Amino acid sequence: MKLIVMTQPTFFVEEDKILTSLFEEGLDCLHLYKPGSSPMYAERLLTLLSDEYYSKIVVHDHFYLKEEYKLRGIHIDNDSVSIPNGYKGKISCTCRKIEDLKEAKRHMDYVFLKNIFDSQTFAENKSSFTANELEEAARRGLIDRHVYALGGMNIDNIRVAKDLGFGGVVICGDLWNRFNIHQELDYKALITHFEKLRKIIG
């Protein structure tokens, strides 16, 4: 099972140090998700990271960064975003409906299924599926190793995703809520929690 970390939606002062520590602790895939932000800030963050980590970073917008920094790939968040002409490389996308998974998996390296549980980052994003719906999707083979669980994933419900056959989980709020970007400098609790997540993923 894969463990993906998605960034906070906003940039903050200690971010490059925390991301470096996460990579040093074994983070294999980071999704750089900064909706509505200027590409200048994404470039600044990338230049603060060692280039040895670029191959582990996927961008959700400003897709030119993929080639410029030799990043891992790009991620399509919704239907209004199109794949750049002539793009070659790893690509993933977010699905909001179970019935969209089959088609998405034909074209993507992997797919996020969103709103598995209530989001811990965006209060308005509630769970979209019942346990029965997810179990049925797993039975039909729609949920498999190419589909990753997104939304409300935490240390307590990773086992549920694993049992359903998800190929990975996307962690956001469960990790970032352990560090106050406005008041704290010490992020040891966040790194310790990441180590626990990695052990559970196995």
N, C-alpha and C. Protein backbone atom coordinates (compact mmCIF):
# COMPACT_ATOMS: atom_id res chain seq x y z
N MET A 1 0.85 -1.20 0.00
CA MET A 1 0.00 0.00 0.00
C MET A 1 0.88 1.25 0.00
N LYS A 2 0.50 2.23 -0.80
CA LYS A 2 1.29 3.47 -0.94
C LYS A 2 0.78 4.54 0.03
N LEU A 3 1.70 5.38 0.47
CA LEU A 3 1.37 6.52 1.31
C LEU A 3 1.75 7.79 0.57
N ILE A 4 0.74 8.60 0.25
CA ILE A 4 0.97 9.89 -0.40
C ILE A 4 0.63 11.00 0.59
N VAL A 5 1.47 12.00 0.66
CA VAL A 5 1.18 13.18 1.47
C VAL A 5 0.83 14.32 0.53
N MET A 6 -0.30 15.00 0.83
CA MET A 6 -0.67 16.18 0.07
C MET A 6 -0.34 17.41 0.92
N THR A 7 0.21 18.43 0.28
CA THR A 7 0.61 19.62 1.04
C THR A 7 -0.59 20.37 1.60
N GLN A 8 -0.30 21.24 2.54
CA GLN A 8 -1.28 22.24 2.96
C GLN A 8 -1.67 23.06 1.74
N PRO A 9 -2.92 23.53 1.65
CA PRO A 9 -3.30 24.33 0.48
C PRO A 9 -2.64 25.72 0.42
N THR A 10 -2.06 26.16 1.52
CA THR A 10 -1.37 27.45 1.54
C THR A 10 0.12 27.26 1.84
N PHE A 11 0.93 28.18 1.37
CA PHE A 11 2.36 28.15 1.67
C PHE A 11 2.60 28.70 3.08
N PHE A 12 3.68 28.24 3.72
CA PHE A 12 4.02 28.78 5.05
C PHE A 12 5.52 28.69 5.28
N VAL A 13 6.01 29.39 6.27
CA VAL A 13 7.45 29.63 6.45
C VAL A 13 8.27 28.36 6.61
N GLU A 14 7.82 27.43 7.44
CA GLU A 14 8.63 26.24 7.74
C GLU A 14 8.44 25.11 6.74
N GLU A 15 7.68 25.35 5.68
CA GLU A 15 7.25 24.25 4.82
C GLU A 15 8.42 23.48 4.20
N ASP A 16 9.40 24.18 3.67
CA ASP A 16 10.51 23.47 3.03
C ASP A 16 11.26 22.59 4.00
N LYS A 17 11.41 23.04 5.25
CA LYS A 17 12.12 22.25 6.27
C LYS A 17 11.32 20.99 6.61
N ILE A 18 10.00 21.15 6.76
CA ILE A 18 9.16 20.00 7.08
C ILE A 18 9.16 18.99 5.94
N LEU A 19 9.01 19.48 4.70
CA LEU A 19 9.00 18.57 3.56
C LEU A 19 10.33 17.83 3.43
N THR A 20 11.42 18.53 3.66
CA THR A 20 12.74 17.89 3.62
C THR A 20 12.82 16.78 4.67
N SER A 21 12.33 17.05 5.87
CA SER A 21 12.34 16.04 6.94
C SER A 21 11.48 14.84 6.57
N LEU A 22 10.32 15.10 5.95
CA LEU A 22 9.45 14.00 5.53
C LEU A 22 10.14 13.13 4.48
N PHE A 23 10.80 13.75 3.52
CA PHE A 23 11.53 12.98 2.51
C PHE A 23 12.65 12.17 3.17
N GLU A 24 13.33 12.79 4.12
CA GLU A 24 14.42 12.09 4.81
C GLU A 24 13.90 10.89 5.60
N GLU A 25 12.64 10.99 6.05
CA GLU A 25 12.03 9.89 6.81
C GLU A 25 11.39 8.84 5.90
N GLY A 26 11.53 9.02 4.60
CA GLY A 26 11.06 7.97 3.69
C GLY A 26 9.84 8.29 2.86
N LEU A 27 9.38 9.55 2.86
CA LEU A 27 8.24 9.90 2.02
C LEU A 27 8.60 9.65 0.56
N ASP A 28 7.75 8.89 -0.13
CA ASP A 28 8.03 8.48 -1.50
C ASP A 28 7.30 9.33 -2.54
N CYS A 29 6.17 9.94 -2.12
CA CYS A 29 5.39 10.73 -3.09
C CYS A 29 4.67 11.88 -2.39
N LEU A 30 4.98 13.08 -2.84
CA LEU A 30 4.34 14.30 -2.33
C LEU A 30 3.52 14.94 -3.44
N HIS A 31 2.27 15.29 -3.13
CA HIS A 31 1.45 16.03 -4.09
C HIS A 31 1.45 17.50 -3.69
N LEU A 32 1.99 18.33 -4.56
CA LEU A 32 2.07 19.77 -4.32
C LEU A 32 0.75 20.39 -4.76
N TYR A 33 -0.09 20.69 -3.76
CA TYR A 33 -1.47 21.15 -4.01
C TYR A 33 -1.64 22.52 -3.37
N LYS A 34 -1.63 23.56 -4.20
CA LYS A 34 -1.75 24.94 -3.73
C LYS A 34 -2.77 25.67 -4.61
N PRO A 35 -4.04 25.34 -4.50
CA PRO A 35 -5.04 25.89 -5.42
C PRO A 35 -5.10 27.41 -5.42
N GLY A 36 -5.12 27.99 -6.62
CA GLY A 36 -5.26 29.44 -6.76
C GLY A 36 -4.01 30.24 -6.49
N SER A 37 -2.88 29.56 -6.30
CA SER A 37 -1.65 30.29 -5.95
C SER A 37 -0.84 30.65 -7.18
N SER A 38 0.03 31.63 -7.01
CA SER A 38 0.92 32.04 -8.09
C SER A 38 2.02 31.01 -8.28
N PRO A 39 2.41 30.72 -9.52
CA PRO A 39 3.50 29.76 -9.75
C PRO A 39 4.82 30.20 -9.14
N MET A 40 4.97 31.49 -8.90
CA MET A 40 6.20 32.01 -8.31
C MET A 40 6.47 31.38 -6.94
N TYR A 41 5.39 31.19 -6.16
CA TYR A 41 5.56 30.61 -4.83
C TYR A 41 5.92 29.13 -4.90
N ALA A 42 5.32 28.42 -5.86
CA ALA A 42 5.66 27.01 -6.03
C ALA A 42 7.12 26.87 -6.45
N GLU A 43 7.57 27.74 -7.35
CA GLU A 43 8.98 27.70 -7.78
C GLU A 43 9.91 27.99 -6.61
N ARG A 44 9.53 28.94 -5.79
CA ARG A 44 10.38 29.27 -4.64
C ARG A 44 10.50 28.07 -3.70
N LEU A 45 9.36 27.41 -3.44
CA LEU A 45 9.39 26.24 -2.56
C LEU A 45 10.28 25.15 -3.15
N LEU A 46 10.13 24.91 -4.44
CA LEU A 46 10.93 23.86 -5.08
C LEU A 46 12.42 24.16 -5.01
N THR A 47 12.78 25.43 -5.18
CA THR A 47 14.21 25.78 -5.14
C THR A 47 14.79 25.63 -3.73
N LEU A 48 13.93 25.64 -2.72
CA LEU A 48 14.40 25.45 -1.34
C LEU A 48 14.57 23.97 -0.98
N LEU A 49 14.08 23.10 -1.85
CA LEU A 49 14.22 21.66 -1.62
C LEU A 49 15.40 21.13 -2.44
N SER A 50 16.01 20.07 -1.95
CA SER A 50 17.09 19.44 -2.71
C SER A 50 16.52 18.82 -3.98
N ASP A 51 17.26 18.95 -5.08
CA ASP A 51 16.75 18.40 -6.34
C ASP A 51 16.68 16.87 -6.32
N GLU A 52 17.27 16.25 -5.31
CA GLU A 52 17.16 14.79 -5.22
C GLU A 52 15.73 14.35 -4.90
N TYR A 53 14.89 15.29 -4.44
CA TYR A 53 13.51 14.96 -4.10
C TYR A 53 12.52 15.29 -5.22
N TYR A 54 12.97 15.94 -6.27
CA TYR A 54 12.05 16.37 -7.33
C TYR A 54 11.31 15.20 -7.97
N SER A 55 11.99 14.07 -8.08
CA SER A 55 11.37 12.90 -8.73
C SER A 55 10.27 12.27 -7.87
N LYS A 56 10.04 12.82 -6.69
CA LYS A 56 9.00 12.31 -5.79
C LYS A 56 7.83 13.30 -5.67
N ILE A 57 7.84 14.37 -6.47
CA ILE A 57 6.84 15.43 -6.34
C ILE A 57 5.93 15.48 -7.56
N VAL A 58 4.62 15.52 -7.30
CA VAL A 58 3.60 15.64 -8.35
C VAL A 58 2.91 16.99 -8.18
N VAL A 59 2.71 17.72 -9.28
CA VAL A 59 2.07 19.04 -9.20
C VAL A 59 0.62 18.99 -9.67
N HIS A 60 -0.22 19.80 -9.00
CA HIS A 60 -1.65 19.87 -9.32
C HIS A 60 -2.00 21.03 -10.24
N ASP A 61 -1.08 21.94 -10.45
CA ASP A 61 -1.28 23.02 -11.41
C ASP A 61 0.09 23.53 -11.83
N HIS A 62 0.11 24.58 -12.68
CA HIS A 62 1.38 25.09 -13.20
C HIS A 62 2.22 23.92 -13.73
N PHE A 63 1.62 23.20 -14.69
CA PHE A 63 2.20 21.93 -15.13
C PHE A 63 3.58 22.07 -15.78
N TYR A 64 3.94 23.28 -16.21
CA TYR A 64 5.27 23.47 -16.79
C TYR A 64 6.37 23.15 -15.78
N LEU A 65 6.03 23.21 -14.49
CA LEU A 65 7.01 22.91 -13.44
C LEU A 65 7.51 21.48 -13.54
N LYS A 66 6.65 20.60 -14.07
CA LYS A 66 7.02 19.18 -14.18
C LYS A 66 8.28 19.03 -15.02
N GLU A 67 8.31 19.69 -16.17
CA GLU A 67 9.47 19.59 -17.06
C GLU A 67 10.63 20.42 -16.54
N GLU A 68 10.30 21.62 -16.05
CA GLU A 68 11.37 22.54 -15.63
C GLU A 68 12.20 21.98 -14.48
N TYR A 69 11.52 21.28 -13.57
CA TYR A 69 12.22 20.74 -12.39
C TYR A 69 12.34 19.22 -12.43
N LYS A 70 11.95 18.62 -13.56
CA LYS A 70 12.00 17.16 -13.70
C LYS A 70 11.27 16.46 -12.55
N LEU A 71 10.02 16.88 -12.34
CA LEU A 71 9.21 16.33 -11.27
C LEU A 71 8.63 14.98 -11.67
N ARG A 72 7.97 14.32 -10.73
CA ARG A 72 7.45 12.97 -10.95
C ARG A 72 6.29 12.94 -11.94
N GLY A 73 5.40 13.94 -11.87
CA GLY A 73 4.24 13.92 -12.76
C GLY A 73 3.28 15.05 -12.47
N ILE A 74 2.10 14.97 -13.11
CA ILE A 74 1.06 15.99 -12.92
C ILE A 74 -0.22 15.31 -12.46
N HIS A 75 -1.09 16.10 -11.82
CA HIS A 75 -2.36 15.58 -11.32
C HIS A 75 -3.50 16.47 -11.80
N ILE A 76 -4.54 15.85 -12.35
CA ILE A 76 -5.71 16.57 -12.83
C ILE A 76 -6.78 16.53 -11.75
N ASP A 77 -7.17 17.70 -11.23
CA ASP A 77 -8.12 17.75 -10.11
C ASP A 77 -9.58 17.64 -10.54
N ASN A 78 -9.90 18.17 -11.71
CA ASN A 78 -11.30 18.13 -12.15
C ASN A 78 -11.38 18.21 -13.67
N ASP A 79 -12.60 18.04 -14.18
CA ASP A 79 -12.82 17.95 -15.63
C ASP A 79 -12.51 19.25 -16.38
N SER A 80 -12.45 20.37 -15.65
CA SER A 80 -12.20 21.65 -16.33
C SER A 80 -10.73 21.85 -16.65
N VAL A 81 -9.87 20.96 -16.11
CA VAL A 81 -8.43 21.04 -16.36
C VAL A 81 -8.06 20.02 -17.43
N SER A 82 -7.34 20.44 -18.44
CA SER A 82 -6.97 19.50 -19.50
C SER A 82 -5.48 19.17 -19.44
N ILE A 83 -5.17 18.00 -19.98
CA ILE A 83 -3.77 17.56 -20.03
C ILE A 83 -3.04 18.41 -21.07
N PRO A 84 -1.86 18.93 -20.75
CA PRO A 84 -1.13 19.75 -21.73
C PRO A 84 -0.87 18.99 -23.03
N ASN A 85 -0.97 19.67 -24.15
CA ASN A 85 -0.71 19.07 -25.46
C ASN A 85 0.69 18.47 -25.50
N GLY A 86 0.75 17.23 -25.96
CA GLY A 86 2.04 16.58 -26.12
C GLY A 86 2.66 16.09 -24.83
N TYR A 87 1.90 16.16 -23.72
CA TYR A 87 2.47 15.75 -22.43
C TYR A 87 2.82 14.28 -22.44
N LYS A 88 4.02 13.98 -21.96
CA LYS A 88 4.43 12.60 -21.79
C LYS A 88 5.00 12.48 -20.39
N GLY A 89 4.51 11.53 -19.65
CA GLY A 89 4.99 11.35 -18.28
C GLY A 89 3.88 10.81 -17.41
N LYS A 90 4.16 10.67 -16.15
CA LYS A 90 3.18 10.12 -15.21
C LYS A 90 2.03 11.11 -15.01
N ILE A 91 0.84 10.55 -14.90
CA ILE A 91 -0.34 11.40 -14.72
C ILE A 91 -1.35 10.69 -13.84
N SER A 92 -1.99 11.47 -12.97
CA SER A 92 -3.03 10.94 -12.09
C SER A 92 -4.18 11.93 -12.08
N CYS A 93 -5.31 11.52 -11.51
CA CYS A 93 -6.46 12.42 -11.45
C CYS A 93 -7.30 12.11 -10.23
N THR A 94 -8.25 13.00 -9.94
CA THR A 94 -9.19 12.82 -8.84
C THR A 94 -10.56 12.49 -9.40
N CYS A 95 -11.18 11.43 -8.87
CA CYS A 95 -12.56 11.08 -9.20
C CYS A 95 -13.43 11.33 -7.98
N ARG A 96 -14.65 11.80 -8.24
CA ARG A 96 -15.59 12.05 -7.16
C ARG A 96 -16.74 11.05 -7.15
N LYS A 97 -16.81 10.24 -8.20
CA LYS A 97 -17.87 9.23 -8.32
C LYS A 97 -17.25 7.87 -8.60
N ILE A 98 -17.79 6.86 -7.97
CA ILE A 98 -17.29 5.50 -8.17
C ILE A 98 -17.39 5.09 -9.64
N GLU A 99 -18.50 5.49 -10.28
CA GLU A 99 -18.70 5.07 -11.67
C GLU A 99 -17.70 5.67 -12.65
N ASP A 100 -16.94 6.69 -12.21
CA ASP A 100 -15.93 7.29 -13.08
C ASP A 100 -14.58 6.56 -13.02
N LEU A 101 -14.44 5.65 -12.07
CA LEU A 101 -13.14 5.02 -11.85
C LEU A 101 -12.68 4.17 -13.03
N LYS A 102 -13.59 3.39 -13.59
CA LYS A 102 -13.20 2.46 -14.65
C LYS A 102 -12.56 3.19 -15.83
N GLU A 103 -13.20 4.27 -16.28
CA GLU A 103 -12.68 5.03 -17.41
C GLU A 103 -11.38 5.74 -17.04
N ALA A 104 -11.35 6.32 -15.84
CA ALA A 104 -10.15 7.07 -15.42
C ALA A 104 -8.93 6.17 -15.35
N LYS A 105 -9.12 4.95 -14.88
CA LYS A 105 -7.97 4.04 -14.72
C LYS A 105 -7.36 3.65 -16.06
N ARG A 106 -8.13 3.79 -17.14
CA ARG A 106 -7.60 3.46 -18.47
C ARG A 106 -6.52 4.44 -18.90
N HIS A 107 -6.61 5.67 -18.42
CA HIS A 107 -5.74 6.74 -18.92
C HIS A 107 -4.72 7.23 -17.88
N MET A 108 -4.90 6.83 -16.63
CA MET A 108 -4.07 7.37 -15.55
C MET A 108 -3.16 6.31 -14.94
N ASP A 109 -2.05 6.75 -14.38
CA ASP A 109 -1.18 5.82 -13.65
C ASP A 109 -1.82 5.41 -12.33
N TYR A 110 -2.53 6.35 -11.71
CA TYR A 110 -3.33 6.04 -10.52
C TYR A 110 -4.40 7.12 -10.37
N VAL A 111 -5.38 6.83 -9.52
CA VAL A 111 -6.55 7.70 -9.39
C VAL A 111 -6.86 7.90 -7.90
N PHE A 112 -7.19 9.14 -7.52
CA PHE A 112 -7.70 9.40 -6.17
C PHE A 112 -9.22 9.28 -6.21
N LEU A 113 -9.81 8.57 -5.26
CA LEU A 113 -11.26 8.60 -5.06
C LEU A 113 -11.50 9.50 -3.86
N LYS A 114 -12.19 10.62 -4.11
CA LYS A 114 -12.29 11.70 -3.12
C LYS A 114 -13.47 11.53 -2.18
N ASN A 115 -13.29 12.08 -0.98
CA ASN A 115 -14.34 12.13 0.06
C ASN A 115 -14.74 10.75 0.55
N ILE A 116 -13.73 9.92 0.84
CA ILE A 116 -14.00 8.61 1.44
C ILE A 116 -14.57 8.81 2.84
N PHE A 117 -13.96 9.70 3.61
CA PHE A 117 -14.47 10.10 4.92
C PHE A 117 -14.58 11.63 4.95
N ASP A 118 -15.13 12.19 6.02
CA ASP A 118 -15.23 13.64 6.16
C ASP A 118 -13.81 14.24 6.20
N SER A 119 -13.60 15.28 5.41
CA SER A 119 -12.29 15.92 5.34
C SER A 119 -11.92 16.57 6.68
N GLN A 120 -10.60 16.47 7.00
CA GLN A 120 -10.09 17.15 8.20
C GLN A 120 -9.45 18.49 7.84
N THR A 121 -9.44 18.80 6.55
CA THR A 121 -8.87 20.06 6.08
C THR A 121 -9.95 21.03 5.64
N PHE A 122 -10.94 20.51 4.91
CA PHE A 122 -12.03 21.34 4.40
C PHE A 122 -13.35 20.84 5.00
N ALA A 123 -13.89 21.61 5.96
CA ALA A 123 -15.08 21.18 6.71
C ALA A 123 -16.28 20.90 5.80
N GLU A 124 -16.33 21.58 4.66
CA GLU A 124 -17.48 21.41 3.75
C GLU A 124 -17.42 20.10 2.97
N ASN A 125 -16.27 19.45 2.96
CA ASN A 125 -16.12 18.20 2.20
C ASN A 125 -16.48 17.00 3.08
N LYS A 126 -17.70 16.53 2.92
CA LYS A 126 -18.20 15.40 3.71
C LYS A 126 -18.04 14.10 2.93
N SER A 127 -18.13 13.00 3.64
CA SER A 127 -18.04 11.69 3.01
C SER A 127 -19.12 11.54 1.94
N SER A 128 -18.73 10.99 0.78
CA SER A 128 -19.66 10.86 -0.35
C SER A 128 -20.22 9.45 -0.50
N PHE A 129 -19.69 8.50 0.27
CA PHE A 129 -20.05 7.10 0.04
C PHE A 129 -20.42 6.39 1.34
N THR A 130 -21.34 5.44 1.22
CA THR A 130 -21.65 4.57 2.36
C THR A 130 -20.65 3.41 2.36
N ALA A 131 -20.56 2.73 3.49
CA ALA A 131 -19.68 1.56 3.57
C ALA A 131 -20.10 0.51 2.53
N ASN A 132 -21.41 0.35 2.34
CA ASN A 132 -21.91 -0.65 1.38
C ASN A 132 -21.50 -0.30 -0.05
N GLU A 133 -21.54 1.00 -0.38
CA GLU A 133 -21.15 1.43 -1.74
C GLU A 133 -19.68 1.13 -2.00
N LEU A 134 -18.84 1.38 -1.00
CA LEU A 134 -17.41 1.12 -1.16
C LEU A 134 -17.14 -0.38 -1.25
N GLU A 135 -17.83 -1.15 -0.45
CA GLU A 135 -17.65 -2.61 -0.48
C GLU A 135 -18.09 -3.18 -1.83
N GLU A 136 -19.18 -2.64 -2.37
CA GLU A 136 -19.65 -3.10 -3.68
C GLU A 136 -18.66 -2.72 -4.78
N ALA A 137 -18.09 -1.50 -4.68
CA ALA A 137 -17.09 -1.08 -5.67
C ALA A 137 -15.85 -1.97 -5.60
N ALA A 138 -15.48 -2.35 -4.41
CA ALA A 138 -14.34 -3.25 -4.25
C ALA A 138 -14.66 -4.63 -4.84
N ARG A 139 -15.87 -5.12 -4.60
CA ARG A 139 -16.30 -6.43 -5.11
C ARG A 139 -16.28 -6.45 -6.64
N ARG A 140 -16.65 -5.31 -7.25
CA ARG A 140 -16.69 -5.21 -8.71
C ARG A 140 -15.31 -4.93 -9.31
N GLY A 141 -14.31 -4.77 -8.48
CA GLY A 141 -12.96 -4.53 -8.97
C GLY A 141 -12.69 -3.09 -9.37
N LEU A 142 -13.62 -2.19 -9.04
CA LEU A 142 -13.41 -0.78 -9.37
C LEU A 142 -12.37 -0.16 -8.43
N ILE A 143 -12.40 -0.59 -7.17
CA ILE A 143 -11.35 -0.19 -6.22
C ILE A 143 -10.27 -1.26 -6.28
N ASP A 144 -9.06 -0.84 -6.63
CA ASP A 144 -7.94 -1.77 -6.71
C ASP A 144 -6.64 -1.03 -6.41
N ARG A 145 -5.52 -1.62 -6.77
CA ARG A 145 -4.23 -1.03 -6.39
C ARG A 145 -3.93 0.28 -7.12
N HIS A 146 -4.71 0.60 -8.15
CA HIS A 146 -4.51 1.87 -8.87
C HIS A 146 -5.37 3.00 -8.31
N VAL A 147 -6.19 2.70 -7.31
CA VAL A 147 -7.09 3.70 -6.73
C VAL A 147 -6.66 3.98 -5.29
N TYR A 148 -6.50 5.28 -4.98
CA TYR A 148 -6.04 5.70 -3.65
C TYR A 148 -7.16 6.44 -2.93
N ALA A 149 -7.30 6.18 -1.65
CA ALA A 149 -8.36 6.79 -0.84
C ALA A 149 -7.96 8.19 -0.40
N LEU A 150 -8.83 9.17 -0.69
CA LEU A 150 -8.60 10.57 -0.34
C LEU A 150 -9.80 11.12 0.43
N GLY A 151 -9.51 11.85 1.49
CA GLY A 151 -10.59 12.50 2.25
C GLY A 151 -10.77 11.91 3.63
N GLY A 152 -10.32 12.65 4.63
CA GLY A 152 -10.49 12.21 6.01
C GLY A 152 -9.64 11.02 6.40
N MET A 153 -8.64 10.70 5.61
CA MET A 153 -7.80 9.54 5.94
C MET A 153 -6.93 9.87 7.15
N ASN A 154 -6.90 8.95 8.10
CA ASN A 154 -6.09 9.16 9.30
C ASN A 154 -5.58 7.83 9.83
N ILE A 155 -4.85 7.91 10.90
CA ILE A 155 -4.19 6.73 11.47
C ILE A 155 -5.19 5.67 11.92
N ASP A 156 -6.44 6.10 12.17
CA ASP A 156 -7.46 5.16 12.67
C ASP A 156 -8.23 4.45 11.56
N ASN A 157 -8.30 5.04 10.36
CA ASN A 157 -9.13 4.41 9.33
C ASN A 157 -8.34 3.90 8.11
N ILE A 158 -7.01 3.97 8.18
CA ILE A 158 -6.20 3.41 7.09
C ILE A 158 -6.52 1.92 6.89
N ARG A 159 -6.74 1.22 8.00
CA ARG A 159 -7.05 -0.21 7.93
C ARG A 159 -8.30 -0.46 7.09
N VAL A 160 -9.29 0.43 7.20
CA VAL A 160 -10.53 0.29 6.42
C VAL A 160 -10.20 0.36 4.93
N ALA A 161 -9.38 1.34 4.56
CA ALA A 161 -9.00 1.49 3.16
C ALA A 161 -8.21 0.27 2.67
N LYS A 162 -7.34 -0.24 3.52
CA LYS A 162 -6.55 -1.41 3.16
C LYS A 162 -7.45 -2.62 2.93
N ASP A 163 -8.41 -2.81 3.83
CA ASP A 163 -9.32 -3.95 3.73
C ASP A 163 -10.20 -3.87 2.48
N LEU A 164 -10.50 -2.64 2.03
CA LEU A 164 -11.32 -2.45 0.83
C LEU A 164 -10.52 -2.68 -0.46
N GLY A 165 -9.21 -2.75 -0.33
CA GLY A 165 -8.38 -3.01 -1.50
C GLY A 165 -7.80 -1.78 -2.17
N PHE A 166 -7.91 -0.61 -1.52
CA PHE A 166 -7.27 0.58 -2.08
C PHE A 166 -5.77 0.36 -2.19
N GLY A 167 -5.19 0.89 -3.27
CA GLY A 167 -3.75 0.74 -3.46
C GLY A 167 -2.91 1.70 -2.63
N GLY A 168 -3.58 2.70 -2.06
CA GLY A 168 -2.86 3.67 -1.24
C GLY A 168 -3.82 4.63 -0.57
N VAL A 169 -3.26 5.48 0.28
CA VAL A 169 -4.06 6.51 0.95
C VAL A 169 -3.36 7.85 0.77
N VAL A 170 -4.16 8.91 0.76
CA VAL A 170 -3.65 10.27 0.65
C VAL A 170 -3.87 10.96 1.99
N ILE A 171 -2.80 11.37 2.62
CA ILE A 171 -2.87 11.99 3.95
C ILE A 171 -2.68 13.50 3.81
N CYS A 172 -3.55 14.25 4.47
CA CYS A 172 -3.40 15.71 4.46
C CYS A 172 -3.63 16.23 5.89
N GLY A 173 -4.89 16.47 6.24
CA GLY A 173 -5.20 17.07 7.53
C GLY A 173 -4.68 16.30 8.72
N ASP A 174 -4.72 14.97 8.66
CA ASP A 174 -4.26 14.16 9.78
C ASP A 174 -2.82 14.45 10.13
N LEU A 175 -2.03 14.84 9.13
CA LEU A 175 -0.63 15.18 9.37
C LEU A 175 -0.46 16.65 9.70
N TRP A 176 -1.02 17.53 8.85
CA TRP A 176 -0.77 18.96 8.99
C TRP A 176 -1.46 19.58 10.19
N ASN A 177 -2.52 18.96 10.67
CA ASN A 177 -3.20 19.49 11.86
C ASN A 177 -2.34 19.36 13.12
N ARG A 178 -1.22 18.69 13.01
CA ARG A 178 -0.31 18.53 14.16
C ARG A 178 0.74 19.64 14.22
N PHE A 179 0.58 20.63 13.36
CA PHE A 179 1.54 21.75 13.36
C PHE A 179 0.78 23.02 13.02
N ASN A 180 0.85 24.01 13.92
CA ASN A 180 0.18 25.29 13.69
C ASN A 180 1.12 26.19 12.88
N ILE A 181 0.77 26.41 11.62
CA ILE A 181 1.67 27.15 10.72
C ILE A 181 1.84 28.60 11.13
N HIS A 182 0.94 29.10 11.96
CA HIS A 182 0.99 30.51 12.36
C HIS A 182 1.73 30.73 13.68
N GLN A 183 1.85 29.69 14.49
CA GLN A 183 2.38 29.89 15.84
C GLN A 183 3.57 29.01 16.20
N GLU A 184 3.78 27.91 15.48
CA GLU A 184 4.79 26.95 15.91
C GLU A 184 6.01 26.94 15.00
N LEU A 185 7.13 26.55 15.58
CA LEU A 185 8.36 26.31 14.83
C LEU A 185 8.81 24.86 14.96
N ASP A 186 8.42 24.22 16.06
CA ASP A 186 8.81 22.84 16.33
C ASP A 186 7.82 21.89 15.68
N TYR A 187 8.30 21.12 14.73
CA TYR A 187 7.40 20.21 14.01
C TYR A 187 7.70 18.73 14.29
N LYS A 188 8.31 18.47 15.45
CA LYS A 188 8.64 17.08 15.79
C LYS A 188 7.41 16.20 15.87
N ALA A 189 6.31 16.73 16.40
CA ALA A 189 5.08 15.93 16.54
C ALA A 189 4.57 15.49 15.17
N LEU A 190 4.69 16.36 14.19
CA LEU A 190 4.26 16.03 12.83
C LEU A 190 5.11 14.90 12.25
N ILE A 191 6.43 15.00 12.42
CA ILE A 191 7.32 13.97 11.88
C ILE A 191 7.10 12.64 12.60
N THR A 192 6.91 12.68 13.91
CA THR A 192 6.64 11.46 14.67
C THR A 192 5.36 10.80 14.17
N HIS A 193 4.36 11.61 13.89
CA HIS A 193 3.10 11.06 13.39
C HIS A 193 3.29 10.43 12.01
N PHE A 194 4.09 11.05 11.17
CA PHE A 194 4.37 10.48 9.86
C PHE A 194 5.03 9.10 9.99
N GLU A 195 5.94 8.98 10.95
CA GLU A 195 6.60 7.68 11.17
C GLU A 195 5.57 6.62 11.56
N LYS A 196 4.58 7.01 12.36
CA LYS A 196 3.52 6.06 12.75
C LYS A 196 2.69 5.65 11.54
N LEU A 197 2.38 6.62 10.70
CA LEU A 197 1.61 6.33 9.49
C LEU A 197 2.35 5.35 8.60
N ARG A 198 3.64 5.54 8.44
CA ARG A 198 4.44 4.65 7.59
C ARG A 198 4.44 3.23 8.13
N LYS A 199 4.50 3.09 9.44
CA LYS A 199 4.50 1.74 10.03
C LYS A 199 3.18 1.03 9.80
N ILE A 200 2.08 1.80 9.88
CA ILE A 200 0.75 1.19 9.67
C ILE A 200 0.58 0.78 8.21
N ILE A 201 1.07 1.62 7.29
CA ILE A 201 0.99 1.28 5.87
C ILE A 201 1.77 0.01 5.58
N GLY A 202 2.91 -0.11 6.25
CA GLY A 202 3.72 -1.32 6.15
C GLY A 202 4.66 -1.37 4.98
